[in-house]
């Protein structure tokens, strides 16, 4: 048992002026030097004050400016001075909010009021700040018990924990989170933990299933690609991209075994196969002689299987009118989410916001890791992080130190406080390409009888040159009529004719003949994404939906990185 607990430096009244005090300490040697110089040349100055008086004045002014600069730099860069600044903030907070005790003391000249601050202690490292407040039933106790969100805003950090230590309540605030950001080459898997920041990991065995939320342009797709980059080296990934956008193009890469899907039929079949795979793997697990109930797949060195769905809401919109498909898909999803953990089958869902309209609340609660990227509305944060973060202040930051930030958000395991998150830095300006990096990853062959549920696939030996040639051929325009497109996707011609003029306002031209409108594959993709975006926005405005999709595809705008 410890006889003494070190809680840090106690906050004092004089700390509110600590910046001025440290500046004066820096400037004091210059002041002494000036006084000494004047003392030595006092007689000369009396006889002929000019121009030496000007030089002395300029010297004093320069020394003031120099020491102010040194003082500012120390508070910006040196931890010792940053602790002083935190003490200054706490001292001002206590004084300006009347959180102090007043004692009247009799003196010879009368009664004097003496102000005393309650016992508040600060302990600070480069990435964390701990503040302890005295309790003991004092008159400030109720206020001291509810300072998490206040301290979070005061120190521009993240409230991570509140604990009780004898007579004190202690708050932990994470600070300087941008410095914990890592680059894409540092994203790796250690055991069952994927590293997302210097001190942030997703343990997919412990916190099974990942829910990713974020608006258009917030960096969600780049974050998903970073996660894929790490997981491809340790397991198998099926990708479902109902929007047929960024992730759909990965099907050409052998490392994915062709298991990248866009159509609703293919996606439902993918879920069906993964349920069968899960059941087969349970049969494999129970067949081991040393199997015991509760034994995980990792005990037998089996590899995990991930099912990633980008924009689940878009998929649900596609089967909105087909209740049999909806029922079938939800049944498969429920089985994987509730039963997949022990067999090593995990779901990664990406949505603009996890609305109960698209995913049942009971299922959403089984996604044990939550990650948001970009900005969400308050209801979106409530859906993502639950009641544990009701009082949390989710800050909107577009710039840090004048630099635009993309990929900032929050992360939390289910039921815990959310912490600030920065997606891995991607050096796109230096020519980094996810497509090229995925192509370099060795192909992980299907091993085990449980993989027999999947269609047999042997990866062809392809060079990047042949892949690029195939991609060039596939990118050649293959036009068809708007009517054919509408019939294939069960869309109303009236709706499409309403959308096309708005697209043309954004410079997307459509070829017209005497009897029909002709569209290219990329235009088909834009139309489908616009309709999906319109549904997700609550069927409010086609122009706004088109603007979001146009922005999402770049069209003159690039993603920045901090």
Protein backbone atom coordinates (compact mmCIF):
# COMPACT_ATOMS: atom_id res chain seq x y z
CA UNK A 1 0.00 0.00 0.00
CA UNK A 2 1.37 3.40 -1.00
CA UNK A 3 1.78 5.91 1.80
CA UNK A 4 2.03 8.80 -0.66
CA UNK A 5 0.43 9.29 -4.06
CA UNK A 6 2.04 11.82 -6.35
CA UNK A 7 -0.71 13.68 -8.17
CA UNK A 8 1.43 16.33 -9.82
CA UNK A 9 1.89 20.06 -9.31
CA UNK A 10 -0.68 21.91 -7.23
CA UNK A 11 -2.47 24.81 -8.90
CA UNK A 12 -1.70 28.15 -7.19
CA UNK A 13 -3.10 31.65 -7.59
CA UNK A 14 0.17 33.03 -8.99
CA UNK A 15 0.00 30.57 -11.89
CA UNK A 16 -2.55 32.81 -13.63
CA UNK A 17 0.34 35.22 -14.31
CA UNK A 18 2.99 32.57 -14.93
CA UNK A 19 3.65 33.65 -18.52
CA UNK A 20 4.49 37.16 -17.37
CA UNK A 21 6.65 35.80 -14.57
CA UNK A 22 8.71 33.57 -16.86
CA UNK A 23 9.09 36.40 -19.37
CA UNK A 24 10.41 38.70 -16.64
CA UNK A 25 12.90 36.02 -15.61
CA UNK A 26 14.17 35.89 -19.21
CA UNK A 27 14.34 39.68 -19.43
CA UNK A 28 15.83 40.31 -15.98
CA UNK A 29 19.50 39.78 -17.06
CA UNK A 30 19.03 42.35 -19.85
CA UNK A 31 17.51 44.75 -17.32
CA UNK A 32 20.49 44.32 -14.99
CA UNK A 33 22.91 44.80 -17.88
CA UNK A 34 21.12 48.02 -18.91
CA UNK A 35 21.17 49.37 -15.35
CA UNK A 36 24.85 48.48 -14.98
CA UNK A 37 25.72 50.18 -18.29
CA UNK A 38 23.82 53.32 -17.31
CA UNK A 39 25.56 53.31 -13.91
CA UNK A 40 29.01 53.14 -15.55
CA UNK A 41 28.25 55.91 -18.05
CA UNK A 42 26.01 58.06 -15.88
CA UNK A 43 28.29 61.12 -15.93
CA UNK A 44 28.69 60.96 -19.72
CA UNK A 45 24.93 60.67 -20.15
CA UNK A 46 24.37 63.73 -17.96
CA UNK A 47 26.73 65.80 -20.09
CA UNK A 48 25.73 64.41 -23.49
CA UNK A 49 22.53 62.29 -23.30
CA UNK A 50 22.21 61.96 -27.07
CA UNK A 51 22.65 59.72 -29.05
CA UNK A 52 23.50 57.13 -26.35
CA UNK A 53 20.03 57.44 -24.80
CA UNK A 54 18.50 56.38 -28.14
CA UNK A 55 20.84 53.38 -28.35
CA UNK A 56 19.99 52.34 -24.79
CA UNK A 57 16.26 52.67 -25.49
CA UNK A 58 16.53 50.67 -28.71
CA UNK A 59 18.58 48.02 -26.88
CA UNK A 60 15.96 47.70 -24.14
CA UNK A 61 13.15 47.46 -26.73
CA UNK A 62 15.00 44.78 -28.70
CA UNK A 63 15.68 42.82 -25.50
CA UNK A 64 11.95 42.94 -24.66
CA UNK A 65 10.99 41.68 -28.12
CA UNK A 66 13.69 38.99 -28.05
CA UNK A 67 12.65 37.63 -24.64
CA UNK A 68 8.96 37.72 -25.61
CA UNK A 69 9.83 35.58 -28.64
CA UNK A 70 11.91 33.18 -26.55
CA UNK A 71 9.13 32.94 -23.98
CA UNK A 72 6.50 32.19 -26.66
CA UNK A 73 8.72 29.57 -28.31
CA UNK A 74 9.34 27.82 -24.99
CA UNK A 75 5.62 27.56 -24.26
CA UNK A 76 5.02 26.18 -27.75
CA UNK A 77 7.81 23.59 -27.89
CA UNK A 78 9.05 22.63 -24.41
CA UNK A 79 7.03 20.32 -22.15
CA UNK A 80 8.27 22.00 -18.95
CA UNK A 81 6.73 25.30 -20.03
CA UNK A 82 3.61 23.61 -21.43
CA UNK A 83 2.94 22.34 -17.91
CA UNK A 84 3.15 25.93 -16.68
CA UNK A 85 0.62 26.96 -19.31
CA UNK A 86 -1.78 24.21 -18.20
CA UNK A 87 -1.41 25.41 -14.60
CA UNK A 88 -2.19 28.95 -15.83
CA UNK A 89 -5.37 27.73 -17.55
CA UNK A 90 -6.53 25.85 -14.45
CA UNK A 91 -5.76 28.77 -12.15
CA UNK A 92 -7.79 31.16 -14.31
CA UNK A 93 -10.61 28.62 -14.57
CA UNK A 94 -10.89 28.29 -10.78
CA UNK A 95 -10.69 32.04 -10.16
CA UNK A 96 -13.06 33.15 -12.91
CA UNK A 97 -15.66 30.54 -11.96
CA UNK A 98 -15.51 31.42 -8.25
CA UNK A 99 -14.16 27.99 -7.34
CA UNK A 100 -12.09 29.27 -4.42
CA UNK A 101 -12.36 29.79 -0.67
CA UNK A 102 -12.37 33.24 0.93
CA UNK A 103 -11.03 33.64 4.44
CA UNK A 104 -11.26 36.91 6.36
CA UNK A 105 -8.07 37.74 8.27
CA UNK A 106 -7.73 40.50 10.85
CA UNK A 107 -4.76 42.77 10.30
CA UNK A 108 -3.65 46.03 11.91
CA UNK A 109 -5.16 48.01 9.05
CA UNK A 110 -8.46 46.10 9.20
CA UNK A 111 -10.01 42.93 7.88
CA UNK A 112 -8.40 41.49 4.75
CA UNK A 113 -9.92 38.80 2.53
CA UNK A 114 -7.51 35.99 1.72
CA UNK A 115 -8.28 33.81 -1.32
CA UNK A 116 -7.29 30.14 -1.24
CA UNK A 117 -7.70 27.71 -4.12
CA UNK A 118 -8.98 24.19 -3.37
CA UNK A 119 -6.51 21.36 -3.82
CA UNK A 120 -6.23 20.79 -7.57
CA UNK A 121 -3.24 18.96 -9.02
CA UNK A 122 -1.88 18.68 -12.55
CA UNK A 123 0.30 15.92 -13.99
CA UNK A 124 1.18 16.22 -17.67
CA UNK A 125 3.13 14.29 -20.30
CA UNK A 126 3.44 15.06 -24.00
CA UNK A 127 0.31 13.10 -24.90
CA UNK A 128 -1.74 13.03 -21.70
CA UNK A 129 -2.91 15.39 -19.01
CA UNK A 130 -4.25 14.32 -15.57
CA UNK A 131 -6.14 16.73 -13.34
CA UNK A 132 -7.12 15.75 -9.77
CA UNK A 133 -9.75 17.67 -7.79
CA UNK A 134 -10.27 17.39 -4.03
CA UNK A 135 -13.68 16.15 -2.88
CA UNK A 136 -14.18 15.50 0.87
CA UNK A 137 -17.68 16.99 0.74
CA UNK A 138 -16.50 20.55 0.03
CA UNK A 139 -18.92 23.04 -1.48
CA UNK A 140 -17.46 22.54 -4.97
CA UNK A 141 -17.80 18.74 -4.94
CA UNK A 142 -20.83 18.52 -7.25
CA UNK A 143 -19.15 20.74 -9.84
CA UNK A 144 -15.85 18.88 -9.59
CA UNK A 145 -17.66 15.61 -10.40
CA UNK A 146 -18.85 16.82 -13.82
CA UNK A 147 -15.89 18.53 -15.47
CA UNK A 148 -15.02 16.00 -18.19
CA UNK A 149 -16.40 17.88 -21.20
CA UNK A 150 -15.28 21.24 -19.75
CA UNK A 151 -11.66 20.11 -19.39
CA UNK A 152 -11.82 18.56 -22.85
CA UNK A 153 -12.63 21.93 -24.41
CA UNK A 154 -10.25 23.88 -22.13
CA UNK A 155 -7.22 21.86 -23.18
CA UNK A 156 -8.35 21.10 -26.75
CA UNK A 157 -8.04 17.41 -26.02
CA UNK A 158 -10.09 14.27 -25.52
CA UNK A 159 -11.69 13.30 -22.24
CA UNK A 160 -10.71 9.63 -21.86
CA UNK A 161 -11.37 8.58 -18.27
CA UNK A 162 -12.67 9.60 -14.85
CA UNK A 163 -11.57 7.71 -11.75
CA UNK A 164 -11.70 8.13 -7.97
CA UNK A 165 -8.57 7.99 -5.86
CA UNK A 166 -9.18 8.28 -2.11
CA UNK A 167 -10.30 11.88 -1.61
CA UNK A 168 -9.86 12.97 -5.23
CA UNK A 169 -11.56 12.63 -8.58
CA UNK A 170 -9.06 12.32 -11.43
CA UNK A 171 -9.69 13.20 -15.08
CA UNK A 172 -7.50 11.98 -17.94
CA UNK A 173 -7.35 14.13 -21.07
CA UNK A 174 -5.51 13.02 -24.21
CA UNK A 175 -3.71 15.91 -25.95
CA UNK A 176 -1.65 16.51 -29.11
CA UNK A 177 -3.38 13.63 -30.91
CA UNK A 178 -2.21 14.76 -34.36
CA UNK A 179 1.33 13.79 -33.31
CA UNK A 180 0.16 10.18 -32.90
CA UNK A 181 -0.78 9.93 -36.57
CA UNK A 182 1.14 7.30 -38.53
CA UNK A 183 1.89 6.87 -42.23
CA UNK A 184 0.51 4.05 -44.36
CA UNK A 185 3.77 2.05 -44.17
CA UNK A 186 3.36 1.88 -40.37
CA UNK A 187 -0.11 0.33 -40.57
CA UNK A 188 0.44 -3.28 -39.61
CA UNK A 189 -1.15 -6.22 -37.82
CA UNK A 190 0.43 -7.54 -34.63
CA UNK A 191 -1.25 -10.76 -33.61
CA UNK A 192 -4.90 -9.85 -33.96
CA UNK A 193 -4.37 -6.10 -33.53
CA UNK A 194 -4.27 -3.73 -36.48
CA UNK A 195 -2.36 -0.54 -35.77
CA UNK A 196 -4.27 2.60 -36.75
CA UNK A 197 -2.31 5.24 -34.77
CA UNK A 198 0.82 5.14 -32.63
CA UNK A 199 -1.24 4.14 -29.60
CA UNK A 200 -4.54 3.04 -31.17
CA UNK A 201 -5.23 -0.54 -32.25
CA UNK A 202 -8.27 -2.50 -33.39
CA UNK A 203 -8.17 -6.00 -31.92
CA UNK A 204 -10.59 -7.77 -34.25
CA UNK A 205 -10.75 -10.86 -32.02
CA UNK A 206 -11.54 -8.98 -28.83
CA UNK A 207 -13.64 -6.20 -30.43
CA UNK A 208 -15.19 -8.13 -33.29
CA UNK A 209 -16.78 -6.30 -36.23
CA UNK A 210 -16.00 -2.71 -37.22
CA UNK A 211 -18.52 0.03 -37.95
CA UNK A 212 -17.19 3.01 -39.93
CA UNK A 213 -19.21 6.20 -40.34
CA UNK A 214 -18.49 9.43 -42.16
CA UNK A 215 -19.83 11.88 -44.68
CA UNK A 216 -18.81 12.34 -48.29
CA UNK A 217 -15.28 13.71 -48.68
CA UNK A 218 -14.25 13.04 -45.07
CA UNK A 219 -11.66 10.39 -45.91
CA UNK A 220 -13.74 7.27 -45.25
CA UNK A 221 -12.70 5.44 -48.43
CA UNK A 222 -9.00 6.14 -47.84
CA UNK A 223 -9.35 4.86 -44.27
CA UNK A 224 -11.00 1.67 -45.53
CA UNK A 225 -8.23 1.17 -48.08
CA UNK A 226 -5.63 1.56 -45.32
CA UNK A 227 -7.37 -1.11 -43.26
CA UNK A 228 -7.57 -3.40 -46.31
CA UNK A 229 -3.85 -2.84 -46.92
CA UNK A 230 -3.02 -4.28 -43.50
CA UNK A 231 -5.61 -7.07 -43.37
CA UNK A 232 -4.68 -8.48 -46.80
CA UNK A 233 -1.38 -9.63 -45.30
CA UNK A 234 -2.98 -11.75 -42.57
CA UNK A 235 -6.34 -12.90 -43.91
CA UNK A 236 -8.92 -13.00 -46.69
CA UNK A 237 -11.21 -10.12 -47.65
CA UNK A 238 -14.47 -10.06 -49.57
CA UNK A 239 -15.46 -6.56 -50.73
CA UNK A 240 -19.01 -5.46 -51.47
CA UNK A 241 -19.34 -2.07 -53.16
CA UNK A 242 -23.01 -1.53 -54.08
CA UNK A 243 -22.19 1.95 -55.41
CA UNK A 244 -19.78 0.37 -57.90
CA UNK A 245 -17.24 3.11 -57.19
CA UNK A 246 -13.68 3.15 -55.80
CA UNK A 247 -13.46 -0.34 -54.30
CA UNK A 248 -15.15 -2.10 -57.23
CA UNK A 249 -12.04 -1.63 -59.41
CA UNK A 250 -10.02 -3.87 -57.07
CA UNK A 251 -11.62 -6.98 -58.58
CA UNK A 252 -8.88 -7.06 -61.25
CA UNK A 253 -6.19 -7.72 -58.64
CA UNK A 254 -5.39 -11.41 -58.05
CA UNK A 255 -4.88 -10.87 -54.32
CA UNK A 256 -8.66 -10.48 -53.90
CA UNK A 257 -9.41 -13.78 -55.68
CA UNK A 258 -12.05 -11.96 -57.71
CA UNK A 259 -14.23 -11.64 -54.60
CA UNK A 260 -15.27 -8.01 -55.17
CA UNK A 261 -18.98 -7.50 -55.82
CA UNK A 262 -21.29 -4.65 -56.86
CA UNK A 263 -24.64 -6.08 -57.98
CA UNK A 264 -27.24 -6.87 -55.33
CA UNK A 265 -27.47 -10.52 -56.45
CA UNK A 266 -23.71 -11.03 -56.19
CA UNK A 267 -23.56 -9.34 -52.79
CA UNK A 268 -26.37 -11.49 -51.37
CA UNK A 269 -24.62 -14.57 -52.72
CA UNK A 270 -21.38 -13.39 -51.10
CA UNK A 271 -23.14 -13.21 -47.73
CA UNK A 272 -24.64 -16.65 -48.30
CA UNK A 273 -21.22 -18.13 -49.06
CA UNK A 274 -19.70 -16.54 -45.96
CA UNK A 275 -22.42 -18.04 -43.77
CA UNK A 276 -21.66 -21.45 -45.29
CA UNK A 277 -17.94 -20.83 -44.80
CA UNK A 278 -18.55 -19.98 -41.14
CA UNK A 279 -20.52 -23.18 -40.58
CA UNK A 280 -17.87 -25.24 -42.34
CA UNK A 281 -15.15 -23.68 -40.22
CA UNK A 282 -17.03 -24.57 -37.03
CA UNK A 283 -17.08 -28.16 -38.29
CA UNK A 284 -13.33 -27.95 -38.87
CA UNK A 285 -12.76 -26.52 -35.38
CA UNK A 286 -14.77 -29.22 -33.64
CA UNK A 287 -12.94 -31.93 -35.59
CA UNK A 288 -9.61 -31.15 -33.92
CA UNK A 289 -8.77 -33.73 -31.22
CA UNK A 290 -7.86 -31.05 -28.66
CA UNK A 291 -10.93 -28.90 -29.31
CA UNK A 292 -12.64 -27.48 -26.24
CA UNK A 293 -15.79 -25.33 -26.13
CA UNK A 294 -14.81 -21.67 -26.43
CA UNK A 295 -11.62 -22.38 -28.39
CA UNK A 296 -11.04 -19.78 -31.11
CA UNK A 297 -9.78 -20.31 -34.65
CA UNK A 298 -6.51 -18.60 -33.71
CA UNK A 299 -5.63 -21.58 -31.49
CA UNK A 300 -5.23 -23.68 -34.65
CA UNK A 301 -3.40 -21.03 -36.71
CA UNK A 302 -6.37 -20.54 -39.03
CA UNK A 303 -6.59 -17.23 -40.87
CA UNK A 304 -9.38 -14.66 -40.38
CA UNK A 305 -11.99 -13.85 -43.02
CA UNK A 306 -13.30 -10.29 -43.43
CA UNK A 307 -16.45 -9.16 -45.20
CA UNK A 308 -16.27 -5.45 -46.03
CA UNK A 309 -19.33 -3.53 -47.21
CA UNK A 310 -18.93 0.07 -48.37
CA UNK A 311 -22.21 2.04 -48.13
CA UNK A 312 -24.60 -0.55 -46.68
CA UNK A 313 -27.40 2.00 -47.06
CA UNK A 314 -26.88 1.99 -50.83
CA UNK A 315 -27.35 -1.79 -50.88
CA UNK A 316 -30.53 -1.55 -48.81
CA UNK A 317 -31.84 1.11 -51.19
CA UNK A 318 -31.30 -1.29 -54.10
CA UNK A 319 -33.49 -3.97 -52.53
CA UNK A 320 -35.93 -1.57 -50.92
CA UNK A 321 -38.93 -3.03 -52.75
CA UNK A 322 -37.87 -6.68 -52.61
CA UNK A 323 -38.79 -7.91 -49.14
CA UNK A 324 -37.65 -11.48 -49.79
CA UNK A 325 -34.12 -10.28 -50.65
CA UNK A 326 -34.14 -7.94 -47.65
CA UNK A 327 -35.15 -10.76 -45.34
CA UNK A 328 -32.57 -13.13 -46.79
CA UNK A 329 -29.74 -10.60 -46.55
CA UNK A 330 -30.57 -9.58 -42.97
CA UNK A 331 -30.71 -13.24 -41.95
CA UNK A 332 -27.20 -13.84 -43.31
CA UNK A 333 -25.88 -10.65 -41.72
CA UNK A 334 -27.38 -11.56 -38.35
CA UNK A 335 -25.77 -15.00 -38.39
CA UNK A 336 -22.32 -13.64 -39.24
CA UNK A 337 -22.42 -10.81 -36.69
CA UNK A 338 -23.69 -13.00 -33.85
CA UNK A 339 -21.78 -16.21 -34.61
CA UNK A 340 -18.74 -15.25 -36.68
CA UNK A 341 -16.31 -14.22 -33.95
CA UNK A 342 -15.14 -17.66 -32.79
CA UNK A 343 -14.80 -18.90 -36.38
CA UNK A 344 -12.85 -15.82 -37.44
CA UNK A 345 -15.45 -14.25 -39.75
CA UNK A 346 -15.71 -10.49 -39.23
CA UNK A 347 -17.81 -7.74 -40.77
CA UNK A 348 -16.59 -4.23 -41.63
CA UNK A 349 -19.46 -1.87 -42.40
CA UNK A 350 -19.04 1.63 -43.83
CA UNK A 351 -22.01 4.02 -43.81
CA UNK A 352 -22.57 7.74 -43.87
CA UNK A 353 -24.38 7.24 -40.58
CA UNK A 354 -25.56 3.99 -38.93
CA UNK A 355 -29.25 4.77 -39.10
CA UNK A 356 -31.65 2.26 -37.55
CA UNK A 357 -33.57 2.39 -40.83
CA UNK A 358 -30.80 0.43 -42.53
CA UNK A 359 -29.31 -1.67 -39.73
CA UNK A 360 -31.17 -2.93 -36.67
CA UNK A 361 -30.11 -1.39 -33.37
CA UNK A 362 -29.67 -4.86 -31.85
CA UNK A 363 -27.22 -5.75 -34.64
CA UNK A 364 -25.46 -2.39 -34.50
CA UNK A 365 -24.74 -2.96 -30.81
CA UNK A 366 -22.72 -6.06 -31.76
CA UNK A 367 -20.21 -4.00 -33.76
CA UNK A 368 -17.69 -3.72 -30.95
CA UNK A 369 -15.40 -1.17 -32.60
CA UNK A 370 -16.73 2.16 -33.88
CA UNK A 371 -14.86 4.61 -36.08
CA UNK A 372 -16.04 7.91 -37.56
CA UNK A 373 -14.16 9.91 -40.20
CA UNK A 374 -15.12 13.44 -41.20
CA UNK A 375 -18.06 15.30 -39.71
CA UNK A 376 -21.31 13.82 -38.43
CA UNK A 377 -24.39 15.49 -37.00
CA UNK A 378 -25.09 15.08 -33.29
CA UNK A 379 -27.60 12.30 -33.98
CA UNK A 380 -24.98 10.54 -36.08
CA UNK A 381 -22.49 10.61 -33.20
CA UNK A 382 -25.20 9.31 -30.85
CA UNK A 383 -25.82 6.37 -33.19
CA UNK A 384 -22.11 5.69 -33.59
CA UNK A 385 -20.92 5.92 -30.00
CA UNK A 386 -24.01 5.44 -27.83
CA UNK A 387 -25.01 6.74 -24.41
CA UNK A 388 -21.47 6.57 -23.01
CA UNK A 389 -20.63 9.65 -25.11
CA UNK A 390 -23.85 11.64 -24.67
CA UNK A 391 -22.04 14.51 -22.94
CA UNK A 392 -18.90 14.37 -25.08
CA UNK A 393 -18.02 17.45 -27.10
CA UNK A 394 -17.36 16.21 -30.64
CA UNK A 395 -15.26 18.99 -32.12
CA UNK A 396 -15.27 20.02 -35.75
CA UNK A 397 -11.72 20.75 -36.93
CA UNK A 398 -10.99 21.38 -40.60
CA UNK A 399 -7.54 22.86 -40.04
CA UNK A 400 -4.71 22.38 -37.56
CA UNK A 401 -2.00 25.05 -37.47
CA UNK A 402 -3.31 26.40 -40.78
CA UNK A 403 -3.09 23.02 -42.56
CA UNK A 404 -6.22 21.35 -43.92
CA UNK A 405 -6.93 18.00 -42.27
CA UNK A 406 -8.68 15.06 -43.94
CA UNK A 407 -9.30 11.78 -42.16
CA UNK A 408 -9.93 13.17 -38.68
CA UNK A 409 -12.64 11.59 -36.58
CA UNK A 410 -13.27 9.56 -33.44
CA UNK A 411 -12.77 5.93 -32.42
CA UNK A 412 -14.06 3.83 -29.53
CA UNK A 413 -14.72 0.25 -28.57
CA UNK A 414 -18.38 -0.27 -27.77
CA UNK A 415 -19.46 1.28 -24.48
CA UNK A 416 -16.25 3.26 -23.97
CA UNK A 417 -15.45 6.93 -24.36
CA UNK A 418 -14.56 7.98 -27.91
CA UNK A 419 -11.09 9.32 -28.59
CA UNK A 420 -9.79 11.57 -31.35
CA UNK A 421 -8.65 9.66 -34.43
CA UNK A 422 -6.51 10.52 -37.45
CA UNK A 423 -6.46 8.10 -40.36
CA UNK A 424 -3.01 7.06 -41.64
CA UNK A 425 -1.19 9.61 -43.76
CA UNK A 426 -1.13 8.68 -47.44
CA UNK A 427 1.66 10.30 -49.53
CA UNK A 428 -0.47 10.72 -52.64
CA UNK A 429 1.64 13.72 -53.66
CA UNK A 430 4.66 11.37 -53.87
CA UNK A 431 2.93 8.95 -56.21
CA UNK A 432 1.59 6.44 -53.69
CA UNK A 433 -1.08 4.18 -55.21
CA UNK A 434 -3.16 1.69 -53.25
CA UNK A 435 -3.73 -0.21 -56.48
CA UNK A 436 0.00 -0.69 -57.02
CA UNK A 437 0.62 -1.60 -53.37
CA UNK A 438 -2.17 -4.19 -53.33
CA UNK A 439 -0.67 -5.74 -56.46
CA UNK A 440 2.63 -6.28 -54.61
CA UNK A 441 1.04 -8.24 -51.75
CA UNK A 442 1.59 -12.02 -52.09
CA UNK A 443 -1.54 -13.98 -52.95
CA UNK A 444 -2.83 -15.96 -49.97
CA UNK A 445 -4.17 -19.21 -51.37
CA UNK A 446 -7.35 -20.75 -50.00
CA UNK A 447 -6.27 -23.39 -47.47
CA UNK A 448 -8.75 -25.69 -45.75
CA UNK A 449 -11.89 -27.58 -46.67
CA UNK A 450 -14.08 -24.71 -45.44
CA UNK A 451 -13.04 -22.75 -48.55
CA UNK A 452 -14.77 -25.33 -50.74
CA UNK A 453 -17.97 -23.26 -50.44
CA UNK A 454 -16.35 -20.59 -52.63
CA UNK A 455 -16.02 -20.87 -56.36
CA UNK A 456 -12.59 -22.31 -57.18
CA UNK A 457 -10.15 -19.66 -58.28
CA UNK A 458 -6.55 -19.81 -59.35
CA UNK A 459 -4.92 -16.44 -59.66
CA UNK A 460 -3.44 -15.90 -63.13
CA UNK A 461 0.10 -14.68 -63.30
CA UNK A 462 -0.42 -11.10 -64.33
CA UNK A 463 2.03 -8.30 -64.61
CA UNK A 464 1.06 -4.73 -63.90
CA UNK A 465 1.46 -4.05 -67.63
CA UNK A 466 -1.20 -6.61 -68.59
CA UNK A 467 -3.50 -5.32 -65.86
CA UNK A 468 -3.12 -1.76 -67.14
CA UNK A 469 -3.75 -2.91 -70.73
CA UNK A 470 -6.92 -4.71 -69.64
CA UNK A 471 -8.01 -1.65 -67.68
CA UNK A 472 -7.44 0.57 -70.74
CA UNK A 473 -9.60 -1.71 -72.90
CA UNK A 474 -12.35 -1.79 -70.30
CA UNK A 475 -12.32 1.99 -69.93
CA UNK A 476 -13.16 2.54 -73.60
CA UNK A 477 -16.67 4.06 -73.82
CA UNK A 478 -19.44 1.50 -74.44
CA UNK A 479 -22.58 3.55 -74.86
CA UNK A 480 -26.16 2.34 -74.62
CA UNK A 481 -29.57 3.98 -74.43
CA UNK A 482 -30.98 5.46 -71.27
CA UNK A 483 -34.00 3.15 -71.62
CA UNK A 484 -31.81 0.02 -71.53
CA UNK A 485 -30.05 1.31 -68.43
CA UNK A 486 -33.37 2.12 -66.72
CA UNK A 487 -34.81 -1.34 -67.48
CA UNK A 488 -31.73 -3.11 -66.14
CA UNK A 489 -31.78 -1.26 -62.82
CA UNK A 490 -35.58 -1.00 -62.49
CA UNK A 491 -35.51 2.82 -62.57
CA UNK A 492 -38.11 5.27 -63.79
CA UNK A 493 -37.29 7.15 -66.99
CA UNK A 494 -39.03 10.22 -65.55
CA UNK A 495 -36.57 10.26 -62.63
CA UNK A 496 -33.52 9.90 -64.88
CA UNK A 497 -34.71 12.64 -67.25
CA UNK A 498 -35.11 14.89 -64.21
CA UNK A 499 -31.54 14.25 -63.01
CA UNK A 500 -29.71 14.60 -66.35
CA UNK A 501 -30.23 18.40 -66.81
CA UNK A 502 -28.76 19.03 -63.35
CA UNK A 503 -25.73 16.92 -64.26
CA UNK A 504 -25.26 18.84 -67.48
CA UNK A 505 -25.07 22.03 -65.41
CA UNK A 506 -21.93 20.51 -63.83
CA UNK A 507 -20.37 19.92 -67.24
CA UNK A 508 -21.37 16.26 -67.65
CA UNK A 509 -22.68 16.10 -71.21
CA UNK A 510 -24.97 13.37 -72.57
CA UNK A 511 -25.12 12.36 -76.23
CA UNK A 512 -28.56 12.59 -77.80
CA UNK A 513 -29.98 11.06 -80.98
CA UNK A 514 -33.35 11.69 -82.57
CA UNK A 515 -34.98 8.95 -80.51
CA UNK A 516 -32.85 8.37 -77.41
CA UNK A 517 -30.25 9.58 -74.91
CA UNK A 518 -26.98 7.61 -74.99
CA UNK A 519 -24.94 7.12 -71.82
CA UNK A 520 -21.45 5.80 -71.05
CA UNK A 521 -20.51 3.44 -68.15
CA UNK A 522 -19.12 6.30 -66.05
CA UNK A 523 -22.34 8.27 -66.53
CA UNK A 524 -24.32 5.20 -65.45
CA UNK A 525 -22.20 5.08 -62.32
CA UNK A 526 -22.89 8.76 -61.58
CA UNK A 527 -26.64 8.28 -62.06
CA UNK A 528 -26.76 5.31 -59.68
CA UNK A 529 -24.71 7.12 -57.04
CA UNK A 530 -26.89 10.22 -57.34
CA UNK A 531 -30.07 8.21 -56.76
CA UNK A 532 -28.49 6.47 -53.77
CA UNK A 533 -27.26 9.78 -52.34
CA UNK A 534 -30.74 11.27 -52.83
CA UNK A 535 -32.26 8.39 -50.83
CA UNK A 536 -29.66 8.72 -48.05
CA UNK A 537 -30.29 12.46 -47.78
CA UNK A 538 -33.95 11.82 -47.09
CA UNK A 539 -35.16 12.46 -50.66
CA UNK A 540 -34.64 16.20 -50.23
CA UNK A 541 -32.86 17.59 -53.29
CA UNK A 542 -31.43 16.14 -56.51
CA UNK A 543 -29.12 19.16 -57.10
CA UNK A 544 -27.53 18.70 -53.66
CA UNK A 545 -27.15 14.96 -54.23
CA UNK A 546 -25.46 15.60 -57.59
CA UNK A 547 -23.17 18.21 -56.05
CA UNK A 548 -22.05 15.70 -53.38
CA UNK A 549 -21.35 12.99 -55.97
CA UNK A 550 -19.47 15.37 -58.28
CA UNK A 551 -17.35 16.50 -55.32
CA UNK A 552 -16.74 12.90 -54.28
CA UNK A 553 -15.29 12.03 -57.71
CA UNK A 554 -12.77 14.86 -57.57
CA UNK A 555 -13.69 16.90 -60.63
CA UNK A 556 -11.11 19.58 -59.85
CA UNK A 557 -10.86 18.94 -56.09
CA UNK A 558 -8.30 16.73 -54.40
CA UNK A 559 -8.08 15.30 -50.92
CA UNK A 560 -5.66 17.04 -48.61
CA UNK A 561 -3.61 15.49 -45.85
CA UNK A 562 -2.35 17.05 -42.69
